[in-house]
C-alpha atoms as a PDB file:
ATOM      1  CA  MET A   1       0.000   0.000   0.000  1.00  0.00           C
ATOM      2  CA  SER A   2       2.948   2.394   0.533  1.00  0.00           C
ATOM      3  CA  ARG A   3       3.505   2.650  -3.232  1.00  0.00           C
ATOM      4  CA  VAL A   4      -0.198   3.353  -3.806  1.00  0.00           C
ATOM      5  CA  LEU A   5      -0.137   6.179  -1.291  1.00  0.00           C
ATOM      6  CA  LEU A   6       3.080   7.521  -2.787  1.00  0.00           C
ATOM      7  CA  ALA A   7       1.712   7.555  -6.327  1.00  0.00           C
ATOM      8  CA  THR A   8      -1.622   9.053  -5.294  1.00  0.00           C
ATOM      9  CA  GLY A   9       0.093  11.923  -3.553  1.00  0.00           C
ATOM     10  CA  ALA A  10       2.518  12.721  -6.368  1.00  0.00           C
ATOM     11  CA  VAL A  11       1.390  16.120  -7.655  1.00  0.00           C
ATOM     12  CA  ALA A  12       2.965  16.850 -11.041  1.00  0.00           C
ATOM     13  CA  ALA A  13       4.896  20.156 -11.200  1.00  0.00           C
ATOM     14  CA  LEU A  14       5.314  22.292 -14.310  1.00  0.00           C
ATOM     15  CA  PHE A  15       9.089  22.338 -14.777  1.00  0.00           C
ATOM     16  CA  ALA A  16      10.469  24.755 -17.348  1.00  0.00           C
ATOM     17  CA  SER A  17      12.888  22.160 -18.684  1.00  0.00           C
ATOM     18  CA  THR A  18       9.978  19.969 -19.755  1.00  0.00           C
ATOM     19  CA  LEU A  19       7.881  22.834 -21.066  1.00  0.00           C
ATOM     20  CA  SER A  20      10.655  23.884 -23.471  1.00  0.00           C
ATOM     21  CA  VAL A  21      10.389  20.601 -25.372  1.00  0.00           C
ATOM     22  CA  SER A  22      11.814  20.267 -28.857  1.00  0.00           C
ATOM     23  CA  ALA A  23       9.410  21.016 -31.696  1.00  0.00           C
ATOM     24  CA  ALA A  24      11.167  18.857 -34.297  1.00  0.00           C
ATOM     25  CA  SER A  25       7.921  17.546 -35.721  1.00  0.00           C
ATOM     26  CA  ALA A  26       6.490  21.052 -35.958  1.00  0.00           C
ATOM     27  CA  GLN A  27       9.575  22.373 -37.724  1.00  0.00           C
ATOM     28  CA  GLU A  28       9.065  19.918 -40.554  1.00  0.00           C
ATOM     29  CA  ALA A  29       5.502  21.078 -41.148  1.00  0.00           C
ATOM     30  CA  GLU A  30       4.451  23.720 -43.641  1.00  0.00           C
ATOM     31  CA  THR A  31       5.346  26.568 -41.275  1.00  0.00           C
ATOM     32  CA  ALA A  32       8.320  26.035 -38.979  1.00  0.00           C
ATOM     33  CA  THR A  33       8.089  29.224 -36.913  1.00  0.00           C
ATOM     34  CA  ALA A  34       5.643  29.557 -34.059  1.00  0.00           C
ATOM     35  CA  PRO A  35       3.764  32.877 -33.880  1.00  0.00           C
ATOM     36  CA  PRO A  36       5.348  35.407 -31.518  1.00  0.00           C
ATOM     37  CA  GLU A  37       2.042  36.343 -29.917  1.00  0.00           C
ATOM     38  CA  LYS A  38       1.231  34.187 -26.912  1.00  0.00           C
ATOM     39  CA  ILE A  39      -1.439  31.520 -27.338  1.00  0.00           C
ATOM     40  CA  VAL A  40      -3.971  30.972 -24.574  1.00  0.00           C
ATOM     41  CA  VAL A  41      -5.500  27.634 -23.593  1.00  0.00           C
ATOM     42  CA  GLY A  42      -8.577  27.812 -21.397  1.00  0.00           C
ATOM     43  CA  VAL A  43     -10.395  24.918 -19.748  1.00  0.00           C
ATOM     44  CA  ASN A  44     -14.130  24.833 -20.464  1.00  0.00           C
ATOM     45  CA  THR A  45     -15.059  21.552 -18.795  1.00  0.00           C
ATOM     46  CA  VAL A  46     -13.306  18.748 -16.921  1.00  0.00           C
ATOM     47  CA  ASN A  47     -15.168  15.475 -16.443  1.00  0.00           C
ATOM     48  CA  GLY A  48     -14.210  11.996 -15.357  1.00  0.00           C
ATOM     49  CA  SER A  49     -13.223   9.801 -12.446  1.00  0.00           C
ATOM     50  CA  GLY A  50      -9.535  10.405 -13.177  1.00  0.00           C
ATOM     51  CA  CYS A  51      -9.726  14.188 -12.820  1.00  0.00           C
ATOM     52  CA  PRO A  52     -11.968  15.293  -9.937  1.00  0.00           C
ATOM     53  CA  ALA A  53     -12.557  19.022  -9.599  1.00  0.00           C
ATOM     54  CA  GLY A  54      -9.344  20.924  -9.016  1.00  0.00           C
ATOM     55  CA  THR A  55      -6.969  18.090  -9.998  1.00  0.00           C
ATOM     56  CA  ALA A  56      -6.249  18.963 -13.659  1.00  0.00           C
ATOM     57  CA  ALA A  57      -4.419  22.041 -14.930  1.00  0.00           C
ATOM     58  CA  VAL A  58      -3.182  23.343 -18.294  1.00  0.00           C
ATOM     59  CA  ALA A  59      -0.101  25.468 -19.033  1.00  0.00           C
ATOM     60  CA  VAL A  60       1.458  26.765 -22.272  1.00  0.00           C
ATOM     61  CA  SER A  61       5.199  26.724 -22.939  1.00  0.00           C
ATOM     62  CA  SER A  62       6.940  30.072 -23.254  1.00  0.00           C
ATOM     63  CA  ASP A  63       7.908  29.425 -26.887  1.00  0.00           C
ATOM     64  CA  ASN A  64       4.412  28.438 -28.100  1.00  0.00           C
ATOM     65  CA  THR A  65       5.597  24.957 -29.136  1.00  0.00           C
ATOM     66  CA  ALA A  66       3.656  22.931 -26.564  1.00  0.00           C
ATOM     67  CA  PHE A  67       1.079  22.894 -23.818  1.00  0.00           C
ATOM     68  CA  THR A  68       0.877  20.523 -20.880  1.00  0.00           C
ATOM     69  CA  VAL A  69      -1.945  18.919 -18.945  1.00  0.00           C
ATOM     70  CA  THR A  70      -1.113  18.101 -15.324  1.00  0.00           C
ATOM     71  CA  TYR A  71      -3.106  15.637 -13.215  1.00  0.00           C
ATOM     72  CA  SER A  72      -2.750  15.183  -9.466  1.00  0.00           C
ATOM     73  CA  ASP A  73      -5.275  12.422  -8.708  1.00  0.00           C
ATOM     74  CA  TYR A  74      -5.349  10.162 -11.773  1.00  0.00           C
ATOM     75  CA  LEU A  75      -4.829   6.566 -10.622  1.00  0.00           C
ATOM     76  CA  ALA A  76      -6.408   3.217 -11.560  1.00  0.00           C
ATOM     77  CA  GLN A  77      -5.845   0.250  -9.273  1.00  0.00           C
ATOM     78  CA  VAL A  78      -6.987  -3.225  -8.292  1.00  0.00           C
ATOM     79  CA  GLY A  79      -6.425  -5.297  -5.193  1.00  0.00           C
ATOM     80  CA  VAL A  80      -6.046  -4.288  -1.568  1.00  0.00           C
ATOM     81  CA  GLY A  81      -8.244  -1.304  -0.647  1.00  0.00           C
ATOM     82  CA  SER A  82      -9.715  -0.979  -4.135  1.00  0.00           C
ATOM     83  CA  GLN A  83     -13.324  -0.717  -5.239  1.00  0.00           C
ATOM     84  CA  PRO A  84     -14.507  -2.417  -8.472  1.00  0.00           C
ATOM     85  CA  THR A  85     -14.792   1.001 -10.164  1.00  0.00           C
ATOM     86  CA  ASP A  86     -11.153   1.841  -9.344  1.00  0.00           C
ATOM     87  CA  SER A  87      -9.809  -0.444 -12.082  1.00  0.00           C
ATOM     88  CA  ARG A  88     -10.727   2.101 -14.787  1.00  0.00           C
ATOM     89  CA  LYS A  89     -10.319   5.865 -14.602  1.00  0.00           C
ATOM     90  CA  ASN A  90     -10.904   8.415 -17.356  1.00  0.00           C
ATOM     91  CA  CYS A  91     -10.778  12.139 -17.998  1.00  0.00           C
ATOM     92  CA  GLN A  92     -12.453  14.297 -20.653  1.00  0.00           C
ATOM     93  CA  LEU A  93     -11.190  17.836 -21.219  1.00  0.00           C
ATOM     94  CA  ASN A  94     -12.820  20.479 -23.380  1.00  0.00           C
ATOM     95  CA  LEU A  95     -10.338  23.282 -24.099  1.00  0.00           C
ATOM     96  CA  ASP A  96     -10.530  26.732 -25.668  1.00  0.00           C
ATOM     97  CA  VAL A  97      -7.377  27.290 -27.723  1.00  0.00           C
ATOM     98  CA  PHE A  98      -6.991  30.934 -28.755  1.00  0.00           C
ATOM     99  CA  VAL A  99      -4.332  31.285 -31.484  1.00  0.00           C
ATOM    100  CA  PRO A 100      -2.907  34.471 -33.038  1.00  0.00           C
ATOM    101  CA  HIS A 101      -4.678  35.813 -36.113  1.00  0.00           C
ATOM    102  CA  GLY A 102      -3.416  34.315 -39.359  1.00  0.00           C
ATOM    103  CA  PHE A 103      -2.277  31.017 -37.855  1.00  0.00           C
ATOM    104  CA  THR A 104      -3.708  27.591 -37.193  1.00  0.00           C
ATOM    105  CA  TYR A 105      -2.300  24.604 -35.304  1.00  0.00           C
ATOM    106  CA  ALA A 106      -2.229  20.822 -35.187  1.00  0.00           C
ATOM    107  CA  ILE A 107      -0.985  18.351 -32.575  1.00  0.00           C
ATOM    108  CA  ALA A 108       2.296  16.909 -33.859  1.00  0.00           C
ATOM    109  CA  SER A 109       3.055  14.575 -30.959  1.00  0.00           C
ATOM    110  CA  VAL A 110       2.052  13.808 -27.383  1.00  0.00           C
ATOM    111  CA  ASP A 111       4.082  12.461 -24.470  1.00  0.00           C
ATOM    112  CA  TYR A 112       2.152  10.664 -21.729  1.00  0.00           C
ATOM    113  CA  ARG A 113       3.944   9.933 -18.456  1.00  0.00           C
ATOM    114  CA  GLY A 114       3.200   8.268 -15.162  1.00  0.00           C
ATOM    115  CA  TYR A 115       4.140   5.580 -12.691  1.00  0.00           C
ATOM    116  CA  ALA A 116       3.002   1.967 -12.616  1.00  0.00           C
ATOM    117  CA  TYR A 117       3.280  -0.904 -10.174  1.00  0.00           C
ATOM    118  CA  LEU A 118       1.965  -4.089 -11.792  1.00  0.00           C
ATOM    119  CA  GLN A 119       2.240  -7.489 -10.149  1.00  0.00           C
ATOM    120  CA  ASP A 120       3.374 -10.468 -12.227  1.00  0.00           C
ATOM    121  CA  GLY A 121       0.367 -11.391 -14.385  1.00  0.00           C
ATOM    122  CA  ALA A 122      -1.294  -7.966 -14.126  1.00  0.00           C
ATOM    123  CA  THR A 123      -1.670  -5.602 -17.088  1.00  0.00           C
ATOM    124  CA  GLY A 124      -2.109  -1.869 -17.555  1.00  0.00           C
ATOM    125  CA  LEU A 125      -3.631   0.126 -20.427  1.00  0.00           C
ATOM    126  CA  GLN A 126      -3.331   3.790 -21.328  1.00  0.00           C
ATOM    127  CA  LYS A 127      -5.669   5.104 -24.036  1.00  0.00           C
ATOM    128  CA  ALA A 128      -6.144   8.549 -25.528  1.00  0.00           C
ATOM    129  CA  SER A 129      -8.033  10.359 -28.260  1.00  0.00           C
ATOM    130  CA  TYR A 130      -8.368  13.980 -29.274  1.00  0.00           C
ATOM    131  CA  TYR A 131     -10.129  16.021 -31.933  1.00  0.00           C
ATOM    132  CA  HIS A 132     -11.151  19.538 -32.929  1.00  0.00           C
ATOM    133  CA  GLN A 133     -14.786  20.429 -32.405  1.00  0.00           C
ATOM    134  CA  GLY A 134     -16.796  19.729 -35.547  1.00  0.00           C
ATOM    135  CA  SER A 135     -14.070  17.606 -37.128  1.00  0.00           C
ATOM    136  CA  ALA A 136     -14.739  14.041 -38.230  1.00  0.00           C
ATOM    137  CA  GLU A 137     -11.059  13.163 -37.798  1.00  0.00           C
ATOM    138  CA  THR A 138     -10.128  11.769 -34.385  1.00  0.00           C
ATOM    139  CA  PHE A 139      -6.661  10.616 -33.363  1.00  0.00           C
ATOM    140  CA  SER A 140      -6.702   7.559 -31.087  1.00  0.00           C
ATOM    141  CA  SER A 141      -3.987   5.461 -29.483  1.00  0.00           C
ATOM    142  CA  ALA A 142      -3.536   2.678 -26.931  1.00  0.00           C
ATOM    143  CA  HIS A 143      -0.438   1.550 -25.028  1.00  0.00           C
ATOM    144  CA  HIS A 144      -0.189  -1.725 -23.100  1.00  0.00           C
ATOM    145  CA  PHE A 145       2.016  -2.564 -20.111  1.00  0.00           C
ATOM    146  CA  ASN A 146       2.645  -6.009 -18.613  1.00  0.00           C
ATOM    147  CA  GLY A 147       3.641  -6.972 -15.104  1.00  0.00           C
ATOM    148  CA  PRO A 148       5.897  -7.360 -13.344  1.00  0.00           C
ATOM    149  CA  TYR A 149       6.476  -3.608 -13.681  1.00  0.00           C
ATOM    150  CA  ASP A 150       7.638  -1.135 -11.030  1.00  0.00           C
ATOM    151  CA  ASP A 151       8.856   2.087 -12.628  1.00  0.00           C
ATOM    152  CA  ASN A 152       7.965   5.352 -14.341  1.00  0.00           C
ATOM    153  CA  TRP A 153       6.320   4.790 -17.712  1.00  0.00           C
ATOM    154  CA  GLN A 154       6.147   6.924 -20.851  1.00  0.00           C
ATOM    155  CA  ALA A 155       4.222   6.571 -24.102  1.00  0.00           C
ATOM    156  CA  THR A 156       4.612   8.835 -27.142  1.00  0.00           C
ATOM    157  CA  ASP A 157       2.190   9.330 -30.027  1.00  0.00           C
ATOM    158  CA  THR A 158       3.525  10.984 -33.186  1.00  0.00           C
ATOM    159  CA  THR A 159       1.526  12.093 -36.223  1.00  0.00           C
ATOM    160  CA  GLU A 160       3.131  12.001 -39.664  1.00  0.00           C
ATOM    161  CA  ILE A 161       3.424  15.370 -41.395  1.00  0.00           C
ATOM    162  CA  GLY A 162       0.953  14.452 -44.130  1.00  0.00           C
ATOM    163  CA  GLU A 163      -1.599  13.319 -41.564  1.00  0.00           C
ATOM    164  CA  LEU A 164      -1.599  16.381 -39.301  1.00  0.00           C
ATOM    165  CA  VAL A 165      -5.138  17.596 -38.612  1.00  0.00           C
ATOM    166  CA  TYR A 166      -5.184  21.393 -38.380  1.00  0.00           C
ATOM    167  CA  ALA A 167      -7.910  23.430 -36.750  1.00  0.00           C
ATOM    168  CA  PRO A 168      -9.931  25.383 -39.337  1.00  0.00           C
ATOM    169  CA  CYS A 169      -8.593  28.854 -40.069  1.00  0.00           C
ATOM    170  CA  GLY A 170     -10.551  31.866 -38.878  1.00  0.00           C
ATOM    171  CA  VAL A 171     -12.981  29.817 -36.779  1.00  0.00           C
ATOM    172  CA  GLN A 172     -12.846  29.291 -33.034  1.00  0.00           C
ATOM    173  CA  ARG A 173     -13.213  25.561 -32.359  1.00  0.00           C
ATOM    174  CA  ASN A 174     -12.795  23.815 -29.017  1.00  0.00           C
ATOM    175  CA  PHE A 175     -10.222  21.060 -28.619  1.00  0.00           C
ATOM    176  CA  ASN A 176     -11.308  17.827 -26.927  1.00  0.00           C
ATOM    177  CA  ILE A 177      -8.984  15.400 -25.116  1.00  0.00           C
ATOM    178  CA  ASN A 178     -10.134  12.022 -23.784  1.00  0.00           C
ATOM    179  CA  THR A 179      -7.776   9.795 -21.780  1.00  0.00           C
ATOM    180  CA  GLU A 180      -8.162   6.527 -19.885  1.00  0.00           C
ATOM    181  CA  LEU A 181      -6.175   4.320 -17.531  1.00  0.00           C
ATOM    182  CA  ARG A 182      -7.138   0.711 -16.884  1.00  0.00           C
ATOM    183  CA  VAL A 183      -5.607  -2.035 -14.727  1.00  0.00           C
ATOM    184  CA  ASP A 184      -6.418  -5.750 -14.814  1.00  0.00           C
ATOM    185  CA  GLY A 185      -5.108  -7.895 -11.990  1.00  0.00           C
ATOM    186  CA  GLY A 186      -5.162 -11.019 -14.164  1.00  0.00           C
ATOM    187  CA  GLU A 187      -3.462 -13.981 -12.536  1.00  0.00           C
ATOM    188  CA  SER A 188      -2.219 -11.763  -9.698  1.00  0.00           C
ATOM    189  CA  ASN A 189      -5.732 -10.702  -8.718  1.00  0.00           C
ATOM    190  CA  THR A 190      -5.767 -11.855  -5.089  1.00  0.00           C
ATOM    191  CA  LYS A 191      -6.884 -10.204  -1.885  1.00  0.00           C
ATOM    192  CA  ALA A 192      -3.263  -9.810  -0.803  1.00  0.00           C
ATOM    193  CA  SER A 193      -1.916  -8.021  -3.900  1.00  0.00           C
ATOM    194  CA  THR A 194      -2.196  -4.545  -5.377  1.00  0.00           C
ATOM    195  CA  SER A 195      -1.489  -3.236  -8.880  1.00  0.00           C
ATOM    196  CA  PHE A 196      -1.895   0.347 -10.057  1.00  0.00           C
ATOM    197  CA  MET A 197      -1.164   2.742 -12.881  1.00  0.00           C
ATOM    198  CA  ALA A 198      -1.015   6.505 -12.366  1.00  0.00           C
ATOM    199  CA  MET A 199      -0.933   9.450 -14.758  1.00  0.00           C
ATOM    200  CA  ASP A 200       1.708  11.185 -12.678  1.00  0.00           C
ATOM    201  CA  SER A 201       5.125  10.130 -11.438  1.00  0.00           C
ATOM    202  CA  THR A 202       6.976   9.799  -8.177  1.00  0.00           C
ATOM    203  CA  ASP A 203       9.618  12.355  -9.214  1.00  0.00           C
ATOM    204  CA  GLY A 204       7.020  15.080  -9.849  1.00  0.00           C
ATOM    205  CA  ALA A 205       7.685  15.364 -13.590  1.00  0.00           C
ATOM    206  CA  VAL A 206       5.111  16.867 -15.936  1.00  0.00           C
ATOM    207  CA  ASN A 207       3.003  14.046 -17.264  1.00  0.00           C
ATOM    208  CA  THR A 208       1.389  14.958 -20.586  1.00  0.00           C
ATOM    209  CA  VAL A 209       2.976  17.237 -23.205  1.00  0.00           C
ATOM    210  CA  TYR A 210       1.144  18.182 -26.412  1.00  0.00           C
ATOM    211  CA  ARG A 211       3.595  19.451 -29.062  1.00  0.00           C
ATOM    212  CA  ILE A 212       2.178  21.896 -31.574  1.00  0.00           C
ATOM    213  CA  ALA A 213       2.749  22.231 -35.329  1.00  0.00           C
ATOM    214  CA  TRP A 214       1.918  25.662 -36.757  1.00  0.00           C
ATOM    215  CA  LYS A 215       0.750  26.752 -40.206  1.00  0.00           C
ATOM    216  CA  GLU A 216      -0.073  30.133 -41.665  1.00  0.00           C
ATOM    217  CA  CYS A 217      -3.615  30.611 -42.929  1.00  0.00           C
ATOM    218  CA  ASN A 218      -4.199  31.840 -46.480  1.00  0.00           C
ATOM    219  CA  GLU A 219      -6.592  34.632 -45.716  1.00  0.00           C
END
Protein backbone atom coordinates (compact mmCIF):
# COMPACT_ATOMS: atom_id res chain seq x y z
CA MET A 1 0.00 0.00 0.00
CA SER A 2 2.95 2.39 0.53
CA ARG A 3 3.50 2.65 -3.23
CA VAL A 4 -0.20 3.35 -3.81
CA LEU A 5 -0.14 6.18 -1.29
CA LEU A 6 3.08 7.52 -2.79
CA ALA A 7 1.71 7.55 -6.33
CA THR A 8 -1.62 9.05 -5.29
CA GLY A 9 0.09 11.92 -3.55
CA ALA A 10 2.52 12.72 -6.37
CA VAL A 11 1.39 16.12 -7.65
CA ALA A 12 2.97 16.85 -11.04
CA ALA A 13 4.90 20.16 -11.20
CA LEU A 14 5.31 22.29 -14.31
CA PHE A 15 9.09 22.34 -14.78
CA ALA A 16 10.47 24.76 -17.35
CA SER A 17 12.89 22.16 -18.68
CA THR A 18 9.98 19.97 -19.76
CA LEU A 19 7.88 22.83 -21.07
CA SER A 20 10.65 23.88 -23.47
CA VAL A 21 10.39 20.60 -25.37
CA SER A 22 11.81 20.27 -28.86
CA ALA A 23 9.41 21.02 -31.70
CA ALA A 24 11.17 18.86 -34.30
CA SER A 25 7.92 17.55 -35.72
CA ALA A 26 6.49 21.05 -35.96
CA GLN A 27 9.58 22.37 -37.72
CA GLU A 28 9.06 19.92 -40.55
CA ALA A 29 5.50 21.08 -41.15
CA GLU A 30 4.45 23.72 -43.64
CA THR A 31 5.35 26.57 -41.27
CA ALA A 32 8.32 26.03 -38.98
CA THR A 33 8.09 29.22 -36.91
CA ALA A 34 5.64 29.56 -34.06
CA PRO A 35 3.76 32.88 -33.88
CA PRO A 36 5.35 35.41 -31.52
CA GLU A 37 2.04 36.34 -29.92
CA LYS A 38 1.23 34.19 -26.91
CA ILE A 39 -1.44 31.52 -27.34
CA VAL A 40 -3.97 30.97 -24.57
CA VAL A 41 -5.50 27.63 -23.59
CA GLY A 42 -8.58 27.81 -21.40
CA VAL A 43 -10.39 24.92 -19.75
CA ASN A 44 -14.13 24.83 -20.46
CA THR A 45 -15.06 21.55 -18.79
CA VAL A 46 -13.31 18.75 -16.92
CA ASN A 47 -15.17 15.48 -16.44
CA GLY A 48 -14.21 12.00 -15.36
CA SER A 49 -13.22 9.80 -12.45
CA GLY A 50 -9.53 10.40 -13.18
CA CYS A 51 -9.73 14.19 -12.82
CA PRO A 52 -11.97 15.29 -9.94
CA ALA A 53 -12.56 19.02 -9.60
CA GLY A 54 -9.34 20.92 -9.02
CA THR A 55 -6.97 18.09 -10.00
CA ALA A 56 -6.25 18.96 -13.66
CA ALA A 57 -4.42 22.04 -14.93
CA VAL A 58 -3.18 23.34 -18.29
CA ALA A 59 -0.10 25.47 -19.03
CA VAL A 60 1.46 26.76 -22.27
CA SER A 61 5.20 26.72 -22.94
CA SER A 62 6.94 30.07 -23.25
CA ASP A 63 7.91 29.43 -26.89
CA ASN A 64 4.41 28.44 -28.10
CA THR A 65 5.60 24.96 -29.14
CA ALA A 66 3.66 22.93 -26.56
CA PHE A 67 1.08 22.89 -23.82
CA THR A 68 0.88 20.52 -20.88
CA VAL A 69 -1.95 18.92 -18.94
CA THR A 70 -1.11 18.10 -15.32
CA TYR A 71 -3.11 15.64 -13.21
CA SER A 72 -2.75 15.18 -9.47
CA ASP A 73 -5.28 12.42 -8.71
CA TYR A 74 -5.35 10.16 -11.77
CA LEU A 75 -4.83 6.57 -10.62
CA ALA A 76 -6.41 3.22 -11.56
CA GLN A 77 -5.84 0.25 -9.27
CA VAL A 78 -6.99 -3.22 -8.29
CA GLY A 79 -6.42 -5.30 -5.19
CA VAL A 80 -6.05 -4.29 -1.57
CA GLY A 81 -8.24 -1.30 -0.65
CA SER A 82 -9.71 -0.98 -4.13
CA GLN A 83 -13.32 -0.72 -5.24
CA PRO A 84 -14.51 -2.42 -8.47
CA THR A 85 -14.79 1.00 -10.16
CA ASP A 86 -11.15 1.84 -9.34
CA SER A 87 -9.81 -0.44 -12.08
CA ARG A 88 -10.73 2.10 -14.79
CA LYS A 89 -10.32 5.86 -14.60
CA ASN A 90 -10.90 8.41 -17.36
CA CYS A 91 -10.78 12.14 -18.00
CA GLN A 92 -12.45 14.30 -20.65
CA LEU A 93 -11.19 17.84 -21.22
CA ASN A 94 -12.82 20.48 -23.38
CA LEU A 95 -10.34 23.28 -24.10
CA ASP A 96 -10.53 26.73 -25.67
CA VAL A 97 -7.38 27.29 -27.72
CA PHE A 98 -6.99 30.93 -28.76
CA VAL A 99 -4.33 31.28 -31.48
CA PRO A 100 -2.91 34.47 -33.04
CA HIS A 101 -4.68 35.81 -36.11
CA GLY A 102 -3.42 34.31 -39.36
CA PHE A 103 -2.28 31.02 -37.85
CA THR A 104 -3.71 27.59 -37.19
CA TYR A 105 -2.30 24.60 -35.30
CA ALA A 106 -2.23 20.82 -35.19
CA ILE A 107 -0.98 18.35 -32.58
CA ALA A 108 2.30 16.91 -33.86
CA SER A 109 3.05 14.57 -30.96
CA VAL A 110 2.05 13.81 -27.38
CA ASP A 111 4.08 12.46 -24.47
CA TYR A 112 2.15 10.66 -21.73
CA ARG A 113 3.94 9.93 -18.46
CA GLY A 114 3.20 8.27 -15.16
CA TYR A 115 4.14 5.58 -12.69
CA ALA A 116 3.00 1.97 -12.62
CA TYR A 117 3.28 -0.90 -10.17
CA LEU A 118 1.96 -4.09 -11.79
CA GLN A 119 2.24 -7.49 -10.15
CA ASP A 120 3.37 -10.47 -12.23
CA GLY A 121 0.37 -11.39 -14.39
CA ALA A 122 -1.29 -7.97 -14.13
CA THR A 123 -1.67 -5.60 -17.09
CA GLY A 124 -2.11 -1.87 -17.56
CA LEU A 125 -3.63 0.13 -20.43
CA GLN A 126 -3.33 3.79 -21.33
CA LYS A 127 -5.67 5.10 -24.04
CA ALA A 128 -6.14 8.55 -25.53
CA SER A 129 -8.03 10.36 -28.26
CA TYR A 130 -8.37 13.98 -29.27
CA TYR A 131 -10.13 16.02 -31.93
CA HIS A 132 -11.15 19.54 -32.93
CA GLN A 133 -14.79 20.43 -32.41
CA GLY A 134 -16.80 19.73 -35.55
CA SER A 135 -14.07 17.61 -37.13
CA ALA A 136 -14.74 14.04 -38.23
CA GLU A 137 -11.06 13.16 -37.80
CA THR A 138 -10.13 11.77 -34.39
CA PHE A 139 -6.66 10.62 -33.36
CA SER A 140 -6.70 7.56 -31.09
CA SER A 141 -3.99 5.46 -29.48
CA ALA A 142 -3.54 2.68 -26.93
CA HIS A 143 -0.44 1.55 -25.03
CA HIS A 144 -0.19 -1.73 -23.10
CA PHE A 145 2.02 -2.56 -20.11
CA ASN A 146 2.64 -6.01 -18.61
CA GLY A 147 3.64 -6.97 -15.10
CA PRO A 148 5.90 -7.36 -13.34
CA TYR A 149 6.48 -3.61 -13.68
CA ASP A 150 7.64 -1.13 -11.03
CA ASP A 151 8.86 2.09 -12.63
CA ASN A 152 7.97 5.35 -14.34
CA TRP A 153 6.32 4.79 -17.71
CA GLN A 154 6.15 6.92 -20.85
CA ALA A 155 4.22 6.57 -24.10
CA THR A 156 4.61 8.84 -27.14
CA ASP A 157 2.19 9.33 -30.03
CA THR A 158 3.53 10.98 -33.19
CA THR A 159 1.53 12.09 -36.22
CA GLU A 160 3.13 12.00 -39.66
CA ILE A 161 3.42 15.37 -41.39
CA GLY A 162 0.95 14.45 -44.13
CA GLU A 163 -1.60 13.32 -41.56
CA LEU A 164 -1.60 16.38 -39.30
CA VAL A 165 -5.14 17.60 -38.61
CA TYR A 166 -5.18 21.39 -38.38
CA ALA A 167 -7.91 23.43 -36.75
CA PRO A 168 -9.93 25.38 -39.34
CA CYS A 169 -8.59 28.85 -40.07
CA GLY A 170 -10.55 31.87 -38.88
CA VAL A 171 -12.98 29.82 -36.78
CA GLN A 172 -12.85 29.29 -33.03
CA ARG A 173 -13.21 25.56 -32.36
CA ASN A 174 -12.80 23.82 -29.02
CA PHE A 175 -10.22 21.06 -28.62
CA ASN A 176 -11.31 17.83 -26.93
CA ILE A 177 -8.98 15.40 -25.12
CA ASN A 178 -10.13 12.02 -23.78
CA THR A 179 -7.78 9.79 -21.78
CA GLU A 180 -8.16 6.53 -19.88
CA LEU A 181 -6.17 4.32 -17.53
CA ARG A 182 -7.14 0.71 -16.88
CA VAL A 183 -5.61 -2.03 -14.73
CA ASP A 184 -6.42 -5.75 -14.81
CA GLY A 185 -5.11 -7.89 -11.99
CA GLY A 186 -5.16 -11.02 -14.16
CA GLU A 187 -3.46 -13.98 -12.54
CA SER A 188 -2.22 -11.76 -9.70
CA ASN A 189 -5.73 -10.70 -8.72
CA THR A 190 -5.77 -11.86 -5.09
CA LYS A 191 -6.88 -10.20 -1.88
CA ALA A 192 -3.26 -9.81 -0.80
CA SER A 193 -1.92 -8.02 -3.90
CA THR A 194 -2.20 -4.54 -5.38
CA SER A 195 -1.49 -3.24 -8.88
CA PHE A 196 -1.90 0.35 -10.06
CA MET A 197 -1.16 2.74 -12.88
CA ALA A 198 -1.01 6.50 -12.37
CA MET A 199 -0.93 9.45 -14.76
CA ASP A 200 1.71 11.19 -12.68
CA SER A 201 5.12 10.13 -11.44
CA THR A 202 6.98 9.80 -8.18
CA ASP A 203 9.62 12.35 -9.21
CA GLY A 204 7.02 15.08 -9.85
CA ALA A 205 7.69 15.36 -13.59
CA VAL A 206 5.11 16.87 -15.94
CA ASN A 207 3.00 14.05 -17.26
CA THR A 208 1.39 14.96 -20.59
CA VAL A 209 2.98 17.24 -23.21
CA TYR A 210 1.14 18.18 -26.41
CA ARG A 211 3.60 19.45 -29.06
CA ILE A 212 2.18 21.90 -31.57
CA ALA A 213 2.75 22.23 -35.33
CA TRP A 214 1.92 25.66 -36.76
CA LYS A 215 0.75 26.75 -40.21
CA GLU A 216 -0.07 30.13 -41.66
CA CYS A 217 -3.61 30.61 -42.93
CA ASN A 218 -4.20 31.84 -46.48
CA GLU A 219 -6.59 34.63 -45.72
